[in-house]
């Protein structure tokens, strides 16, 4: 994910199914870790987009 951020990505999600965790990457910010969220928002990068994680967990 570091390489994606260094190359201009505005938002990155790393989904870990085994630990039921999501790591959220944003430029110039610390990584945010969520424990088994049901949805993820596209924030201002993808307005209105919501990823439903209920089938993944």
PDB file of N, CA and C in Angstrom:
ATOM      1  N   UNK A   1       0.824  -1.193   0.000  1.00  0.00           N
ATOM      2  CA  UNK A   1       0.000   0.000   0.000  1.00  0.00           C
ATOM      3  C   UNK A   1       0.869   1.258   0.000  1.00  0.00           C
ATOM      4  N   UNK A   2       2.029   1.153   0.604  1.00  0.00           N
ATOM      5  CA  UNK A   2       2.927   2.309   0.634  1.00  0.00           C
ATOM      6  C   UNK A   2       3.262   2.765  -0.789  1.00  0.00           C
ATOM      7  N   UNK A   3       3.516   1.813  -1.662  1.00  0.00           N
ATOM      8  CA  UNK A   3       3.850   2.157  -3.046  1.00  0.00           C
ATOM      9  C   UNK A   3       2.672   2.824  -3.762  1.00  0.00           C
ATOM     10  N   UNK A   4       1.466   2.339  -3.515  1.00  0.00           N
ATOM     11  CA  UNK A   4       0.283   2.970  -4.108  1.00  0.00           C
ATOM     12  C   UNK A   4       0.161   4.419  -3.645  1.00  0.00           C
ATOM     13  N   UNK A   5       0.329   4.650  -2.350  1.00  0.00           N
ATOM     14  CA  UNK A   5       0.220   6.000  -1.811  1.00  0.00           C
ATOM     15  C   UNK A   5       1.315   6.907  -2.378  1.00  0.00           C
ATOM     16  N   UNK A   6       2.527   6.367  -2.490  1.00  0.00           N
ATOM     17  CA  UNK A   6       3.639   7.146  -3.047  1.00  0.00           C
ATOM     18  C   UNK A   6       3.405   7.508  -4.511  1.00  0.00           C
ATOM     19  N   UNK A   7       2.585   6.732  -5.201  1.00  0.00           N
ATOM     20  CA  UNK A   7       2.312   6.979  -6.613  1.00  0.00           C
ATOM     21  C   UNK A   7       0.987   7.687  -6.859  1.00  0.00           C
ATOM     22  N   UNK A   8       0.427   8.272  -5.799  1.00  0.00           N
ATOM     23  CA  UNK A   8      -0.709   9.163  -5.981  1.00  0.00           C
ATOM     24  C   UNK A   8      -2.080   8.636  -5.613  1.00  0.00           C
ATOM     25  N   UNK A   9      -2.173   7.429  -5.077  1.00  0.00           N
ATOM     26  CA  UNK A   9      -3.492   6.937  -4.662  1.00  0.00           C
ATOM     27  C   UNK A   9      -4.037   7.817  -3.536  1.00  0.00           C
ATOM     28  N   UNK A  10      -5.333   8.082  -3.578  1.00  0.00           N
ATOM     29  CA  UNK A  10      -5.967   8.939  -2.575  1.00  0.00           C
ATOM     30  C   UNK A  10      -6.605   8.153  -1.444  1.00  0.00           C
ATOM     31  N   UNK A  11      -6.862   6.863  -1.688  1.00  0.00           N
ATOM     32  CA  UNK A  11      -7.517   6.031  -0.688  1.00  0.00           C
ATOM     33  C   UNK A  11      -7.175   4.579  -0.982  1.00  0.00           C
ATOM     34  N   UNK A  12      -6.807   3.842   0.050  1.00  0.00           N
ATOM     35  CA  UNK A  12      -6.513   2.420  -0.127  1.00  0.00           C
ATOM     36  C   UNK A  12      -7.110   1.606   0.992  1.00  0.00           C
ATOM     37  N   UNK A  13      -7.656   0.453   0.638  1.00  0.00           N
ATOM     38  CA  UNK A  13      -8.208  -0.472   1.621  1.00  0.00           C
ATOM     39  C   UNK A  13      -7.446  -1.780   1.526  1.00  0.00           C
ATOM     40  N   UNK A  14      -6.956  -2.272   2.632  1.00  0.00           N
ATOM     41  CA  UNK A  14      -6.338  -3.583   2.698  1.00  0.00           C
ATOM     42  C   UNK A  14      -7.254  -4.453   3.548  1.00  0.00           C
ATOM     43  N   UNK A  15      -7.839  -5.459   2.921  1.00  0.00           N
ATOM     44  CA  UNK A  15      -8.830  -6.311   3.590  1.00  0.00           C
ATOM     45  C   UNK A  15      -8.159  -7.603   4.033  1.00  0.00           C
ATOM     46  N   UNK A  16      -8.204  -7.866   5.335  1.00  0.00           N
ATOM     47  CA  UNK A  16      -7.637  -9.085   5.898  1.00  0.00           C
ATOM     48  C   UNK A  16      -8.794  -9.944   6.408  1.00  0.00           C
ATOM     49  N   UNK A  17      -9.171 -10.948   5.607  1.00  0.00           N
ATOM     50  CA  UNK A  17     -10.321 -11.794   5.964  1.00  0.00           C
ATOM     51  C   UNK A  17     -10.047 -12.654   7.193  1.00  0.00           C
ATOM     52  N   UNK A  18      -8.808 -13.092   7.367  1.00  0.00           N
ATOM     53  CA  UNK A  18      -8.494 -13.957   8.512  1.00  0.00           C
ATOM     54  C   UNK A  18      -8.651 -13.227   9.841  1.00  0.00           C
ATOM     55  N   UNK A  19      -8.210 -11.977   9.894  1.00  0.00           N
ATOM     56  CA  UNK A  19      -8.298 -11.195  11.131  1.00  0.00           C
ATOM     57  C   UNK A  19      -9.565 -10.336  11.199  1.00  0.00           C
ATOM     58  N   UNK A  20     -10.366 -10.381  10.134  1.00  0.00           N
ATOM     59  CA  UNK A  20     -11.585  -9.556  10.047  1.00  0.00           C
ATOM     60  C   UNK A  20     -11.266  -8.076  10.237  1.00  0.00           C
ATOM     61  N   UNK A  21     -10.186  -7.636   9.592  1.00  0.00           N
ATOM     62  CA  UNK A  21      -9.744  -6.245   9.724  1.00  0.00           C
ATOM     63  C   UNK A  21      -9.646  -5.566   8.366  1.00  0.00           C
ATOM     64  N   UNK A  22      -9.839  -4.264   8.409  1.00  0.00           N
ATOM     65  CA  UNK A  22      -9.616  -3.407   7.251  1.00  0.00           C
ATOM     66  C   UNK A  22      -8.590  -2.364   7.658  1.00  0.00           C
ATOM     67  N   UNK A  23      -7.559  -2.202   6.848  1.00  0.00           N
ATOM     68  CA  UNK A  23      -6.604  -1.111   7.032  1.00  0.00           C
ATOM     69  C   UNK A  23      -6.930  -0.064   5.977  1.00  0.00           C
ATOM     70  N   UNK A  24      -7.148   1.163   6.428  1.00  0.00           N
ATOM     71  CA  UNK A  24      -7.477   2.256   5.510  1.00  0.00           C
ATOM     72  C   UNK A  24      -6.268   3.179   5.404  1.00  0.00           C
ATOM     73  N   UNK A  25      -5.835   3.380   4.171  1.00  0.00           N
ATOM     74  CA  UNK A  25      -4.672   4.215   3.886  1.00  0.00           C
ATOM     75  C   UNK A  25      -5.120   5.496   3.198  1.00  0.00           C
ATOM     76  N   UNK A  26      -4.623   6.616   3.719  1.00  0.00           N
ATOM     77  CA  UNK A  26      -4.882   7.935   3.145  1.00  0.00           C
ATOM     78  C   UNK A  26      -3.556   8.692   3.116  1.00  0.00           C
ATOM     79  N   UNK A  27      -3.370   9.560   2.115  1.00  0.00           N
ATOM     80  CA  UNK A  27      -2.105  10.312   2.033  1.00  0.00           C
ATOM     81  C   UNK A  27      -1.846  11.132   3.297  1.00  0.00           C
ATOM     82  N   UNK A  28      -0.622  11.111   3.756  1.00  0.00           N
ATOM     83  CA  UNK A  28      -0.158  11.926   4.888  1.00  0.00           C
ATOM     84  C   UNK A  28      -0.939  11.686   6.184  1.00  0.00           C
ATOM     85  N   UNK A  29      -1.450  10.481   6.373  1.00  0.00           N
ATOM     86  CA  UNK A  29      -2.161  10.143   7.605  1.00  0.00           C
ATOM     87  C   UNK A  29      -1.708   8.767   8.091  1.00  0.00           C
ATOM     88  N   UNK A  30      -1.911   8.538   9.366  1.00  0.00           N
ATOM     89  CA  UNK A  30      -1.640   7.221   9.929  1.00  0.00           C
ATOM     90  C   UNK A  30      -2.675   6.226   9.395  1.00  0.00           C
ATOM     91  N   UNK A  31      -2.288   4.976   9.324  1.00  0.00           N
ATOM     92  CA  UNK A  31      -3.203   3.924   8.887  1.00  0.00           C
ATOM     93  C   UNK A  31      -4.305   3.758   9.934  1.00  0.00           C
ATOM     94  N   UNK A  32      -5.545   3.707   9.464  1.00  0.00           N
ATOM     95  CA  UNK A  32      -6.684   3.473  10.351  1.00  0.00           C
ATOM     96  C   UNK A  32      -7.071   2.003  10.243  1.00  0.00           C
ATOM     97  N   UNK A  33      -7.229   1.325  11.364  1.00  0.00           N
ATOM     98  CA  UNK A  33      -7.600  -0.089  11.369  1.00  0.00           C
ATOM     99  C   UNK A  33      -8.996  -0.239  11.943  1.00  0.00           C
ATOM    100  N   UNK A  34      -9.864  -0.899  11.161  1.00  0.00           N
ATOM    101  CA  UNK A  34     -11.231  -1.163  11.595  1.00  0.00           C
ATOM    102  C   UNK A  34     -11.391  -2.660  11.824  1.00  0.00           C
ATOM    103  N   UNK A  35     -12.117  -3.016  12.866  1.00  0.00           N
ATOM    104  CA  UNK A  35     -12.366  -4.421  13.188  1.00  0.00           C
ATOM    105  C   UNK A  35     -13.751  -4.829  12.700  1.00  0.00           C
ATOM    106  N   UNK A  36     -13.803  -5.699  11.728  1.00  0.00           N
ATOM    107  CA  UNK A  36     -15.015  -6.280  11.114  1.00  0.00           C
ATOM    108  C   UNK A  36     -16.140  -5.276  10.836  1.00  0.00           C
ATOM    109  N   UNK A  37     -15.852  -4.206  10.104  1.00  0.00           N
ATOM    110  CA  UNK A  37     -16.926  -3.284   9.747  1.00  0.00           C
ATOM    111  C   UNK A  37     -17.883  -3.955   8.756  1.00  0.00           C
ATOM    112  N   UNK A  38     -19.114  -3.526   8.726  1.00  0.00           N
ATOM    113  CA  UNK A  38     -20.090  -4.085   7.787  1.00  0.00           C
ATOM    114  C   UNK A  38     -20.050  -3.387   6.426  1.00  0.00           C
ATOM    115  N   UNK A  39     -19.578  -2.123   6.414  1.00  0.00           N
ATOM    116  CA  UNK A  39     -19.483  -1.383   5.161  1.00  0.00           C
ATOM    117  C   UNK A  39     -18.226  -0.516   5.174  1.00  0.00           C
ATOM    118  N   UNK A  40     -17.812  -0.127   3.971  1.00  0.00           N
ATOM    119  CA  UNK A  40     -16.736   0.852   3.802  1.00  0.00           C
ATOM    120  C   UNK A  40     -17.239   1.943   2.880  1.00  0.00           C
ATOM    121  N   UNK A  41     -16.899   3.165   3.200  1.00  0.00           N
ATOM    122  CA  UNK A  41     -17.310   4.319   2.413  1.00  0.00           C
ATOM    123  C   UNK A  41     -16.189   4.731   1.461  1.00  0.00           C
ATOM    124  N   UNK A  42     -16.595   5.183   0.278  1.00  0.00           N
ATOM    125  CA  UNK A  42     -15.627   5.710  -0.676  1.00  0.00           C
ATOM    126  C   UNK A  42     -15.169   7.114  -0.323  1.00  0.00           C
ATOM    127  N   UNK A  43     -15.692   7.639   0.759  1.00  0.00           N
ATOM    128  CA  UNK A  43     -15.348   8.971   1.275  1.00  0.00           C
ATOM    129  C   UNK A  43     -15.481  10.005   0.166  1.00  0.00           C
ATOM    130  N   UNK A  44     -14.619  11.018   0.143  1.00  0.00           N
ATOM    131  CA  UNK A  44     -14.715  12.046  -0.898  1.00  0.00           C
ATOM    132  C   UNK A  44     -14.025  11.615  -2.189  1.00  0.00           C
ATOM    133  N   UNK A  45     -13.330  10.468  -2.170  1.00  0.00           N
ATOM    134  CA  UNK A  45     -12.667   9.951  -3.372  1.00  0.00           C
ATOM    135  C   UNK A  45     -13.693   9.324  -4.316  1.00  0.00           C
ATOM    136  N   UNK A  46     -14.649   8.575  -3.759  1.00  0.00           N
ATOM    137  CA  UNK A  46     -15.731   7.945  -4.517  1.00  0.00           C
ATOM    138  C   UNK A  46     -17.057   8.291  -3.835  1.00  0.00           C
ATOM    139  N   UNK A  47     -17.526   9.524  -3.991  1.00  0.00           N
ATOM    140  CA  UNK A  47     -18.742   9.948  -3.298  1.00  0.00           C
ATOM    141  C   UNK A  47     -19.924   9.027  -3.595  1.00  0.00           C
ATOM    142  N   UNK A  48     -20.613   8.626  -2.540  1.00  0.00           N
ATOM    143  CA  UNK A  48     -21.781   7.778  -2.691  1.00  0.00           C
ATOM    144  C   UNK A  48     -21.485   6.289  -2.773  1.00  0.00           C
ATOM    145  N   UNK A  49     -20.219   5.909  -2.930  1.00  0.00           N
ATOM    146  CA  UNK A  49     -19.868   4.495  -3.022  1.00  0.00           C
ATOM    147  C   UNK A  49     -19.799   3.888  -1.632  1.00  0.00           C
ATOM    148  N   UNK A  50     -20.444   2.738  -1.469  1.00  0.00           N
ATOM    149  CA  UNK A  50     -20.391   1.988  -0.213  1.00  0.00           C
ATOM    150  C   UNK A  50     -20.135   0.527  -0.553  1.00  0.00           C
ATOM    151  N   UNK A  51     -19.092  -0.042   0.028  1.00  0.00           N
ATOM    152  CA  UNK A  51     -18.767  -1.450  -0.166  1.00  0.00           C
ATOM    153  C   UNK A  51     -19.385  -2.250   0.973  1.00  0.00           C
ATOM    154  N   UNK A  52     -20.270  -3.174   0.627  1.00  0.00           N
ATOM    155  CA  UNK A  52     -20.931  -4.031   1.609  1.00  0.00           C
ATOM    156  C   UNK A  52     -20.012  -5.224   1.884  1.00  0.00           C
ATOM    157  N   UNK A  53     -19.550  -5.360   3.128  1.00  0.00           N
ATOM    158  CA  UNK A  53     -18.615  -6.413   3.482  1.00  0.00           C
ATOM    159  C   UNK A  53     -19.294  -7.633   4.100  1.00  0.00           C
ATOM    160  N   UNK A  54     -20.614  -7.639   4.182  1.00  0.00           N
ATOM    161  CA  UNK A  54     -21.321  -8.736   4.850  1.00  0.00           C
ATOM    162  C   UNK A  54     -21.044 -10.083   4.197  1.00  0.00           C
ATOM    163  N   UNK A  55     -20.833 -10.135   2.895  1.00  0.00           N
ATOM    164  CA  UNK A  55     -20.544 -11.399   2.219  1.00  0.00           C
ATOM    165  C   UNK A  55     -19.082 -11.817   2.376  1.00  0.00           C
ATOM    166  N   UNK A  56     -18.218 -10.895   2.693  1.00  0.00           N
ATOM    167  CA  UNK A  56     -16.793 -11.207   2.858  1.00  0.00           C
ATOM    168  C   UNK A  56     -16.542 -11.833   4.221  1.00  0.00           C
ATOM    169  N   UNK A  57     -17.194 -11.344   5.259  1.00  0.00           N
ATOM    170  CA  UNK A  57     -17.001 -11.886   6.590  1.00  0.00           C
ATOM    171  C   UNK A  57     -17.829 -13.131   6.746  1.00  0.00           C
TER     172      UNK A  57
END
